C-alpha cells in the first residue's frame, strides 16, 4: 500500500464535512449554479437562513467555499478542487 493515513487527511476532512446532507446539497448546488447568496439557498433548500449560515461557516473553515460581497449581499462559490472531485464522483451516475 503506497498511501499512508497521513496522506489522506485532506480527503478525509472533505468527506467528513460533505457527510452532512445540507452541506452536500449546498456544495452541489453551488457547483451547478456557479455562485449564489444565502437567500437563494434558503428558498431552494427550504432551510432557515441561520442553518444555512452555520453550514456555510463550516464549509468556509474547511476551505471548500468562499464568499465575496456584491453590494449588500454575499455570494458564495466552491473553491476546493478536491471537493469538486468528490461531488462529481458522487453524482456522476445520476447524470448519465
PDB file of N, CA and C in Angstrom:
ATOM      1  N   UNK A   1       0.850  -1.174   0.000  1.00  0.00           N
ATOM      2  CA  UNK A   1       0.000   0.000   0.000  1.00  0.00           C
ATOM      3  C   UNK A   1       0.894   1.235   0.000  1.00  0.00           C
ATOM      4  N   UNK A   2       0.731   2.083  -0.998  1.00  0.00           N
ATOM      5  CA  UNK A   2       1.587   3.258  -1.121  1.00  0.00           C
ATOM      6  C   UNK A   2       1.138   4.424  -0.255  1.00  0.00           C
ATOM      7  N   UNK A   3      -0.167   4.572  -0.055  1.00  0.00           N
ATOM      8  CA  UNK A   3      -0.665   5.711   0.722  1.00  0.00           C
ATOM      9  C   UNK A   3      -0.687   5.379   2.204  1.00  0.00           C
ATOM     10  N   UNK A   4      -0.400   6.385   2.989  1.00  0.00           N
ATOM     11  CA  UNK A   4      -0.452   6.262   4.439  1.00  0.00           C
ATOM     12  C   UNK A   4      -1.621   7.120   4.932  1.00  0.00           C
ATOM     13  N   UNK A   5      -2.147   6.803   6.112  1.00  0.00           N
ATOM     14  CA  UNK A   5      -3.278   7.583   6.623  1.00  0.00           C
ATOM     15  C   UNK A   5      -3.030   9.094   6.608  1.00  0.00           C
ATOM     16  N   UNK A   6      -1.813   9.503   6.895  1.00  0.00           N
ATOM     17  CA  UNK A   6      -1.491  10.931   6.903  1.00  0.00           C
ATOM     18  C   UNK A   6      -1.702  11.550   5.521  1.00  0.00           C
ATOM     19  N   UNK A   7      -1.468  10.774   4.464  1.00  0.00           N
ATOM     20  CA  UNK A   7      -1.633  11.266   3.096  1.00  0.00           C
ATOM     21  C   UNK A   7      -3.101  11.511   2.744  1.00  0.00           C
ATOM     22  N   UNK A   8      -3.988  10.919   3.501  1.00  0.00           N
ATOM     23  CA  UNK A   8      -5.425  11.011   3.205  1.00  0.00           C
ATOM     24  C   UNK A   8      -6.152  12.024   4.094  1.00  0.00           C
ATOM     25  N   UNK A   9      -5.417  12.777   4.897  1.00  0.00           N
ATOM     26  CA  UNK A   9      -6.045  13.703   5.839  1.00  0.00           C
ATOM     27  C   UNK A   9      -6.985  14.698   5.158  1.00  0.00           C
ATOM     28  N   UNK A  10      -6.529  15.334   4.078  1.00  0.00           N
ATOM     29  CA  UNK A  10      -7.348  16.348   3.404  1.00  0.00           C
ATOM     30  C   UNK A  10      -8.636  15.733   2.852  1.00  0.00           C
ATOM     31  N   UNK A  11      -8.499  14.586   2.196  1.00  0.00           N
ATOM     32  CA  UNK A  11      -9.673  13.937   1.619  1.00  0.00           C
ATOM     33  C   UNK A  11     -10.652  13.486   2.705  1.00  0.00           C
ATOM     34  N   UNK A  12     -10.123  12.971   3.805  1.00  0.00           N
ATOM     35  CA  UNK A  12     -10.982  12.526   4.907  1.00  0.00           C
ATOM     36  C   UNK A  12     -11.742  13.707   5.508  1.00  0.00           C
ATOM     37  N   UNK A  13     -11.074  14.842   5.639  1.00  0.00           N
ATOM     38  CA  UNK A  13     -11.726  16.039   6.177  1.00  0.00           C
ATOM     39  C   UNK A  13     -12.836  16.512   5.239  1.00  0.00           C
ATOM     40  N   UNK A  14     -12.585  16.490   3.946  1.00  0.00           N
ATOM     41  CA  UNK A  14     -13.605  16.898   2.974  1.00  0.00           C
ATOM     42  C   UNK A  14     -14.806  15.958   3.039  1.00  0.00           C
ATOM     43  N   UNK A  15     -14.545  14.655   3.113  1.00  0.00           N
ATOM     44  CA  UNK A  15     -15.643  13.689   3.217  1.00  0.00           C
ATOM     45  C   UNK A  15     -16.448  13.901   4.497  1.00  0.00           C
ATOM     46  N   UNK A  16     -15.757  14.224   5.580  1.00  0.00           N
ATOM     47  CA  UNK A  16     -16.422  14.469   6.857  1.00  0.00           C
ATOM     48  C   UNK A  16     -17.348  15.688   6.750  1.00  0.00           C
ATOM     49  N   UNK A  17     -16.846  16.764   6.171  1.00  0.00           N
ATOM     50  CA  UNK A  17     -17.640  17.984   6.024  1.00  0.00           C
ATOM     51  C   UNK A  17     -18.825  17.745   5.082  1.00  0.00           C
ATOM     52  N   UNK A  18     -18.586  17.061   3.963  1.00  0.00           N
ATOM     53  CA  UNK A  18     -19.646  16.817   2.979  1.00  0.00           C
ATOM     54  C   UNK A  18     -20.589  15.693   3.399  1.00  0.00           C
ATOM     55  N   UNK A  19     -20.306  15.051   4.533  1.00  0.00           N
ATOM     56  CA  UNK A  19     -21.149  13.969   5.026  1.00  0.00           C
ATOM     57  C   UNK A  19     -22.505  14.437   5.524  1.00  0.00           C
ATOM     58  N   UNK A  20     -22.673  15.739   5.696  1.00  0.00           N
ATOM     59  CA  UNK A  20     -23.954  16.289   6.108  1.00  0.00           C
ATOM     60  C   UNK A  20     -24.802  16.565   4.864  1.00  0.00           C
ATOM     61  N   UNK A  21     -26.050  16.094   4.819  1.00  0.00           N
ATOM     62  CA  UNK A  21     -26.874  16.256   3.614  1.00  0.00           C
ATOM     63  C   UNK A  21     -27.074  17.711   3.180  1.00  0.00           C
ATOM     64  N   UNK A  22     -27.219  18.620   4.136  1.00  0.00           N
ATOM     65  CA  UNK A  22     -27.424  20.026   3.769  1.00  0.00           C
ATOM     66  C   UNK A  22     -26.159  20.601   3.144  1.00  0.00           C
ATOM     67  N   UNK A  23     -24.998  20.312   3.745  1.00  0.00           N
ATOM     68  CA  UNK A  23     -23.742  20.817   3.170  1.00  0.00           C
ATOM     69  C   UNK A  23     -23.486  20.196   1.802  1.00  0.00           C
ATOM     70  N   UNK A  24     -23.823  18.933   1.658  1.00  0.00           N
ATOM     71  CA  UNK A  24     -23.669  18.267   0.364  1.00  0.00           C
ATOM     72  C   UNK A  24     -24.540  18.959  -0.691  1.00  0.00           C
ATOM     73  N   UNK A  25     -25.772  19.283  -0.333  1.00  0.00           N
ATOM     74  CA  UNK A  25     -26.671  19.988  -1.255  1.00  0.00           C
ATOM     75  C   UNK A  25     -26.171  21.396  -1.562  1.00  0.00           C
ATOM     76  N   UNK A  26     -25.651  22.086  -0.558  1.00  0.00           N
ATOM     77  CA  UNK A  26     -25.129  23.439  -0.778  1.00  0.00           C
ATOM     78  C   UNK A  26     -23.992  23.405  -1.785  1.00  0.00           C
ATOM     79  N   UNK A  27     -23.021  22.532  -1.561  1.00  0.00           N
ATOM     80  CA  UNK A  27     -21.852  22.473  -2.449  1.00  0.00           C
ATOM     81  C   UNK A  27     -22.256  22.016  -3.846  1.00  0.00           C
ATOM     82  N   UNK A  28     -23.098  21.019  -3.930  1.00  0.00           N
ATOM     83  CA  UNK A  28     -23.564  20.537  -5.227  1.00  0.00           C
ATOM     84  C   UNK A  28     -24.316  21.637  -5.976  1.00  0.00           C
ATOM     85  N   UNK A  29     -25.190  22.334  -5.270  1.00  0.00           N
ATOM     86  CA  UNK A  29     -25.951  23.428  -5.876  1.00  0.00           C
ATOM     87  C   UNK A  29     -25.069  24.568  -6.338  1.00  0.00           C
ATOM     88  N   UNK A  30     -24.066  24.912  -5.525  1.00  0.00           N
ATOM     89  CA  UNK A  30     -23.136  25.977  -5.914  1.00  0.00           C
ATOM     90  C   UNK A  30     -22.346  25.586  -7.154  1.00  0.00           C
ATOM     91  N   UNK A  31     -21.985  24.323  -7.246  1.00  0.00           N
ATOM     92  CA  UNK A  31     -21.246  23.868  -8.429  1.00  0.00           C
ATOM     93  C   UNK A  31     -22.107  23.983  -9.684  1.00  0.00           C
ATOM     94  N   UNK A  32     -23.389  23.686  -9.563  1.00  0.00           N
ATOM     95  CA  UNK A  32     -24.286  23.762 -10.723  1.00  0.00           C
ATOM     96  C   UNK A  32     -24.589  25.207 -11.104  1.00  0.00           C
ATOM     97  N   UNK A  33     -24.804  26.055 -10.104  1.00  0.00           N
ATOM     98  CA  UNK A  33     -25.204  27.443 -10.348  1.00  0.00           C
ATOM     99  C   UNK A  33     -24.009  28.360 -10.555  1.00  0.00           C
ATOM    100  N   UNK A  34     -22.873  28.022  -9.984  1.00  0.00           N
ATOM    101  CA  UNK A  34     -21.691  28.885 -10.060  1.00  0.00           C
ATOM    102  C   UNK A  34     -21.502  29.654  -8.771  1.00  0.00           C
ATOM    103  N   UNK A  35     -22.494  30.453  -8.408  1.00  0.00           N
ATOM    104  CA  UNK A  35     -22.473  31.166  -7.136  1.00  0.00           C
ATOM    105  C   UNK A  35     -23.892  31.622  -6.819  1.00  0.00           C
ATOM    106  N   UNK A  36     -24.155  31.841  -5.541  1.00  0.00           N
ATOM    107  CA  UNK A  36     -25.456  32.382  -5.135  1.00  0.00           C
ATOM    108  C   UNK A  36     -25.365  32.872  -3.692  1.00  0.00           C
ATOM    109  N   UNK A  37     -26.415  33.562  -3.265  1.00  0.00           N
ATOM    110  CA  UNK A  37     -26.432  34.102  -1.908  1.00  0.00           C
ATOM    111  C   UNK A  37     -27.266  33.209  -0.984  1.00  0.00           C
ATOM    112  N   UNK A  38     -27.265  33.555   0.289  1.00  0.00           N
ATOM    113  CA  UNK A  38     -27.951  32.742   1.296  1.00  0.00           C
ATOM    114  C   UNK A  38     -29.459  32.718   1.049  1.00  0.00           C
ATOM    115  N   UNK A  39     -30.026  33.841   0.629  1.00  0.00           N
ATOM    116  CA  UNK A  39     -31.468  33.898   0.371  1.00  0.00           C
ATOM    117  C   UNK A  39     -31.875  32.890  -0.695  1.00  0.00           C
ATOM    118  N   UNK A  40     -31.098  32.798  -1.753  1.00  0.00           N
ATOM    119  CA  UNK A  40     -31.388  31.841  -2.822  1.00  0.00           C
ATOM    120  C   UNK A  40     -31.296  30.407  -2.285  1.00  0.00           C
ATOM    121  N   UNK A  41     -30.251  30.129  -1.494  1.00  0.00           N
ATOM    122  CA  UNK A  41     -30.090  28.787  -0.916  1.00  0.00           C
ATOM    123  C   UNK A  41     -31.258  28.450  -0.002  1.00  0.00           C
ATOM    124  N   UNK A  42     -31.682  29.439   0.783  1.00  0.00           N
ATOM    125  CA  UNK A  42     -32.802  29.252   1.707  1.00  0.00           C
ATOM    126  C   UNK A  42     -34.060  28.842   0.937  1.00  0.00           C
ATOM    127  N   UNK A  43     -34.331  29.512  -0.175  1.00  0.00           N
ATOM    128  CA  UNK A  43     -35.512  29.206  -0.980  1.00  0.00           C
ATOM    129  C   UNK A  43     -35.400  27.830  -1.642  1.00  0.00           C
ATOM    130  N   UNK A  44     -34.226  27.509  -2.161  1.00  0.00           N
ATOM    131  CA  UNK A  44     -34.036  26.234  -2.865  1.00  0.00           C
ATOM    132  C   UNK A  44     -34.087  25.034  -1.925  1.00  0.00           C
ATOM    133  N   UNK A  45     -33.468  25.175  -0.770  1.00  0.00           N
ATOM    134  CA  UNK A  45     -33.329  24.044   0.144  1.00  0.00           C
ATOM    135  C   UNK A  45     -34.439  23.964   1.188  1.00  0.00           C
ATOM    136  N   UNK A  46     -35.222  25.056   1.315  1.00  0.00           N
ATOM    137  CA  UNK A  46     -36.267  25.122   2.332  1.00  0.00           C
ATOM    138  C   UNK A  46     -35.682  24.897   3.728  1.00  0.00           C
ATOM    139  N   UNK A  47     -34.572  25.580   3.976  1.00  0.00           N
ATOM    140  CA  UNK A  47     -33.860  25.509   5.254  1.00  0.00           C
ATOM    141  C   UNK A  47     -33.696  26.945   5.745  1.00  0.00           C
ATOM    142  N   UNK A  48     -33.721  27.152   7.053  1.00  0.00           N
ATOM    143  CA  UNK A  48     -33.636  28.505   7.602  1.00  0.00           C
ATOM    144  C   UNK A  48     -32.304  29.176   7.278  1.00  0.00           C
ATOM    145  N   UNK A  49     -32.349  30.497   7.253  1.00  0.00           N
ATOM    146  CA  UNK A  49     -31.157  31.298   6.970  1.00  0.00           C
ATOM    147  C   UNK A  49     -30.060  31.018   7.989  1.00  0.00           C
ATOM    148  N   UNK A  50     -30.428  30.900   9.263  1.00  0.00           N
ATOM    149  CA  UNK A  50     -29.420  30.666  10.299  1.00  0.00           C
ATOM    150  C   UNK A  50     -28.750  29.304  10.123  1.00  0.00           C
ATOM    151  N   UNK A  51     -29.523  28.304   9.731  1.00  0.00           N
ATOM    152  CA  UNK A  51     -28.955  26.972   9.498  1.00  0.00           C
ATOM    153  C   UNK A  51     -27.986  26.996   8.313  1.00  0.00           C
ATOM    154  N   UNK A  52     -28.388  27.639   7.228  1.00  0.00           N
ATOM    155  CA  UNK A  52     -27.509  27.732   6.057  1.00  0.00           C
ATOM    156  C   UNK A  52     -26.228  28.470   6.417  1.00  0.00           C
ATOM    157  N   UNK A  53     -26.346  29.554   7.180  1.00  0.00           N
ATOM    158  CA  UNK A  53     -25.160  30.315   7.584  1.00  0.00           C
ATOM    159  C   UNK A  53     -24.201  29.467   8.411  1.00  0.00           C
ATOM    160  N   UNK A  54     -24.738  28.636   9.299  1.00  0.00           N
ATOM    161  CA  UNK A  54     -23.887  27.751  10.100  1.00  0.00           C
ATOM    162  C   UNK A  54     -23.157  26.747   9.210  1.00  0.00           C
ATOM    163  N   UNK A  55     -23.864  26.180   8.249  1.00  0.00           N
ATOM    164  CA  UNK A  55     -23.241  25.221   7.336  1.00  0.00           C
ATOM    165  C   UNK A  55     -22.192  25.905   6.457  1.00  0.00           C
ATOM    166  N   UNK A  56     -22.491  27.111   5.985  1.00  0.00           N
ATOM    167  CA  UNK A  56     -21.517  27.851   5.175  1.00  0.00           C
ATOM    168  C   UNK A  56     -20.262  28.171   5.977  1.00  0.00           C
ATOM    169  N   UNK A  57     -20.438  28.460   7.259  1.00  0.00           N
ATOM    170  CA  UNK A  57     -19.291  28.734   8.121  1.00  0.00           C
ATOM    171  C   UNK A  57     -18.358  27.528   8.183  1.00  0.00           C
ATOM    172  N   UNK A  58     -18.924  26.344   8.319  1.00  0.00           N
ATOM    173  CA  UNK A  58     -18.107  25.122   8.349  1.00  0.00           C
ATOM    174  C   UNK A  58     -17.436  24.879   7.003  1.00  0.00           C
ATOM    175  N   UNK A  59     -18.169  25.126   5.923  1.00  0.00           N
ATOM    176  CA  UNK A  59     -17.600  24.944   4.582  1.00  0.00           C
ATOM    177  C   UNK A  59     -16.477  25.943   4.319  1.00  0.00           C
ATOM    178  N   UNK A  60     -16.642  27.177   4.812  1.00  0.00           N
ATOM    179  CA  UNK A  60     -15.580  28.182   4.649  1.00  0.00           C
ATOM    180  C   UNK A  60     -14.357  27.805   5.473  1.00  0.00           C
ATOM    181  N   UNK A  61     -14.574  27.372   6.702  1.00  0.00           N
ATOM    182  CA  UNK A  61     -13.456  26.982   7.573  1.00  0.00           C
ATOM    183  C   UNK A  61     -12.655  25.835   6.986  1.00  0.00           C
ATOM    184  N   UNK A  62     -13.338  24.950   6.262  1.00  0.00           N
ATOM    185  CA  UNK A  62     -12.669  23.800   5.641  1.00  0.00           C
ATOM    186  C   UNK A  62     -12.024  24.166   4.304  1.00  0.00           C
ATOM    187  N   UNK A  63     -12.224  25.412   3.857  1.00  0.00           N
ATOM    188  CA  UNK A  63     -11.633  25.839   2.588  1.00  0.00           C
ATOM    189  C   UNK A  63     -12.362  25.304   1.369  1.00  0.00           C
ATOM    190  N   UNK A  64     -13.626  24.943   1.542  1.00  0.00           N
ATOM    191  CA  UNK A  64     -14.406  24.386   0.435  1.00  0.00           C
ATOM    192  C   UNK A  64     -15.123  25.487  -0.347  1.00  0.00           C
ATOM    193  N   UNK A  65     -15.641  26.483   0.361  1.00  0.00           N
ATOM    194  CA  UNK A  65     -16.298  27.610  -0.302  1.00  0.00           C
ATOM    195  C   UNK A  65     -15.690  28.919   0.170  1.00  0.00           C
ATOM    196  N   UNK A  66     -15.935  29.973  -0.600  1.00  0.00           N
ATOM    197  CA  UNK A  66     -15.566  31.317  -0.161  1.00  0.00           C
ATOM    198  C   UNK A  66     -16.698  32.252  -0.538  1.00  0.00           C
ATOM    199  N   UNK A  67     -16.786  33.351   0.177  1.00  0.00           N
ATOM    200  CA  UNK A  67     -17.809  34.343  -0.101  1.00  0.00           C
ATOM    201  C   UNK A  67     -17.187  35.620  -0.623  1.00  0.00           C
ATOM    202  N   UNK A  68     -17.935  36.317  -1.458  1.00  0.00           N
ATOM    203  CA  UNK A  68     -17.497  37.627  -1.934  1.00  0.00           C
ATOM    204  C   UNK A  68     -18.700  38.560  -1.931  1.00  0.00           C
ATOM    205  N   UNK A  69     -18.445  39.813  -1.604  1.00  0.00           N
ATOM    206  CA  UNK A  69     -19.513  40.791  -1.457  1.00  0.00           C
ATOM    207  C   UNK A  69     -19.813  41.462  -2.793  1.00  0.00           C
ATOM    208  N   UNK A  70     -21.120  41.559  -3.086  1.00  0.00           N
ATOM    209  CA  UNK A  70     -21.612  42.322  -4.225  1.00  0.00           C
ATOM    210  C   UNK A  70     -22.698  43.239  -3.679  1.00  0.00           C
ATOM    211  N   UNK A  71     -22.366  44.504  -3.514  1.00  0.00           N
ATOM    212  CA  UNK A  71     -23.302  45.434  -2.879  1.00  0.00           C
ATOM    213  C   UNK A  71     -23.498  45.038  -1.434  1.00  0.00           C
ATOM    214  N   UNK A  72     -24.754  44.813  -1.057  1.00  0.00           N
ATOM    215  CA  UNK A  72     -25.042  44.441   0.335  1.00  0.00           C
ATOM    216  C   UNK A  72     -25.150  42.930   0.527  1.00  0.00           C
ATOM    217  N   UNK A  73     -24.983  42.171  -0.543  1.00  0.00           N
ATOM    218  CA  UNK A  73     -25.128  40.719  -0.455  1.00  0.00           C
ATOM    219  C   UNK A  73     -23.786  40.007  -0.569  1.00  0.00           C
ATOM    220  N   UNK A  74     -23.723  38.825   0.042  1.00  0.00           N
ATOM    221  CA  UNK A  74     -22.532  37.983  -0.069  1.00  0.00           C
ATOM    222  C   UNK A  74     -22.908  36.766  -0.904  1.00  0.00           C
ATOM    223  N   UNK A  75     -22.128  36.537  -1.933  1.00  0.00           N
ATOM    224  CA  UNK A  75     -22.321  35.376  -2.799  1.00  0.00           C
ATOM    225  C   UNK A  75     -21.240  34.352  -2.486  1.00  0.00           C
ATOM    226  N   UNK A  76     -21.592  33.093  -2.583  1.00  0.00           N
ATOM    227  CA  UNK A  76     -20.671  32.009  -2.262  1.00  0.00           C
ATOM    228  C   UNK A  76     -20.390  31.178  -3.497  1.00  0.00           C
ATOM    229  N   UNK A  77     -19.158  30.633  -3.543  1.00  0.00           N
ATOM    230  CA  UNK A  77     -18.760  29.753  -4.637  1.00  0.00           C
ATOM    231  C   UNK A  77     -17.829  28.678  -4.104  1.00  0.00           C
ATOM    232  N   UNK A  78     -17.765  27.555  -4.800  1.00  0.00           N
ATOM    233  CA  UNK A  78     -16.903  26.439  -4.411  1.00  0.00           C
ATOM    234  C   UNK A  78     -15.495  26.725  -4.923  1.00  0.00           C
ATOM    235  N   UNK A  79     -14.505  26.610  -4.033  1.00  0.00           N
ATOM    236  CA  UNK A  79     -13.116  26.869  -4.425  1.00  0.00           C
ATOM    237  C   UNK A  79     -12.215  25.640  -4.292  1.00  0.00           C
ATOM    238  N   UNK A  80     -12.693  24.600  -3.644  1.00  0.00           N
ATOM    239  CA  UNK A  80     -11.878  23.406  -3.412  1.00  0.00           C
ATOM    240  C   UNK A  80     -11.969  22.439  -4.588  1.00  0.00           C
ATOM    241  N   UNK A  81     -10.845  22.210  -5.238  1.00  0.00           N
ATOM    242  CA  UNK A  81     -10.809  21.248  -6.345  1.00  0.00           C
ATOM    243  C   UNK A  81     -11.111  19.838  -5.842  1.00  0.00           C
ATOM    244  N   UNK A  82     -10.615  19.516  -4.658  1.00  0.00           N
ATOM    245  CA  UNK A  82     -10.862  18.182  -4.088  1.00  0.00           C
ATOM    246  C   UNK A  82     -12.348  17.968  -3.820  1.00  0.00           C
ATOM    247  N   UNK A  83     -13.014  18.980  -3.283  1.00  0.00           N
ATOM    248  CA  UNK A  83     -14.452  18.863  -3.020  1.00  0.00           C
ATOM    249  C   UNK A  83     -15.224  18.714  -4.327  1.00  0.00           C
ATOM    250  N   UNK A  84     -14.801  19.441  -5.349  1.00  0.00           N
ATOM    251  CA  UNK A  84     -15.461  19.329  -6.660  1.00  0.00           C
ATOM    252  C   UNK A  84     -15.323  17.909  -7.207  1.00  0.00           C
ATOM    253  N   UNK A  85     -14.150  17.314  -7.031  1.00  0.00           N
ATOM    254  CA  UNK A  85     -13.940  15.940  -7.498  1.00  0.00           C
ATOM    255  C   UNK A  85     -14.856  14.969  -6.761  1.00  0.00           C
ATOM    256  N   UNK A  86     -14.989  15.164  -5.451  1.00  0.00           N
ATOM    257  CA  UNK A  86     -15.848  14.291  -4.646  1.00  0.00           C
ATOM    258  C   UNK A  86     -17.299  14.414  -5.107  1.00  0.00           C
ATOM    259  N   UNK A  87     -17.774  15.639  -5.270  1.00  0.00           N
ATOM    260  CA  UNK A  87     -19.159  15.867  -5.708  1.00  0.00           C
ATOM    261  C   UNK A  87     -19.388  15.257  -7.083  1.00  0.00           C
ATOM    262  N   UNK A  88     -18.452  15.475  -7.994  1.00  0.00           N
ATOM    263  CA  UNK A  88     -18.585  14.906  -9.340  1.00  0.00           C
ATOM    264  C   UNK A  88     -18.631  13.382  -9.297  1.00  0.00           C
ATOM    265  N   UNK A  89     -17.821  12.780  -8.443  1.00  0.00           N
ATOM    266  CA  UNK A  89     -17.806  11.319  -8.324  1.00  0.00           C
ATOM    267  C   UNK A  89     -19.118  10.800  -7.733  1.00  0.00           C
ATOM    268  N   UNK A  90     -19.646  11.498  -6.748  1.00  0.00           N
ATOM    269  CA  UNK A  90     -20.885  11.069  -6.093  1.00  0.00           C
ATOM    270  C   UNK A  90     -22.071  11.143  -7.047  1.00  0.00           C
ATOM    271  N   UNK A  91     -22.165  12.233  -7.792  1.00  0.00           N
ATOM    272  CA  UNK A  91     -23.346  12.463  -8.627  1.00  0.00           C
ATOM    273  C   UNK A  91     -23.143  12.078 -10.085  1.00  0.00           C
ATOM    274  N   UNK A  92     -22.007  11.500 -10.407  1.00  0.00           N
ATOM    275  CA  UNK A  92     -21.706  11.115 -11.787  1.00  0.00           C
ATOM    276  C   UNK A  92     -22.735  10.142 -12.341  1.00  0.00           C
ATOM    277  N   UNK A  93     -23.103   9.132 -11.554  1.00  0.00           N
ATOM    278  CA  UNK A  93     -24.047   8.107 -12.004  1.00  0.00           C
ATOM    279  C   UNK A  93     -25.411   8.696 -12.324  1.00  0.00           C
ATOM    280  N   UNK A  94     -25.852   9.655 -11.513  1.00  0.00           N
ATOM    281  CA  UNK A  94     -27.170  10.249 -11.705  1.00  0.00           C
ATOM    282  C   UNK A  94     -27.261  11.006 -13.020  1.00  0.00           C
ATOM    283  N   UNK A  95     -26.158  11.597 -13.462  1.00  0.00           N
ATOM    284  CA  UNK A  95     -26.161  12.417 -14.662  1.00  0.00           C
ATOM    285  C   UNK A  95     -26.106  11.587 -15.933  1.00  0.00           C
ATOM    286  N   UNK A  96     -25.685  10.340 -15.849  1.00  0.00           N
ATOM    287  CA  UNK A  96     -25.550   9.508 -17.049  1.00  0.00           C
ATOM    288  C   UNK A  96     -26.869   8.944 -17.499  1.00  0.00           C
TER     289      UNK A  96
END
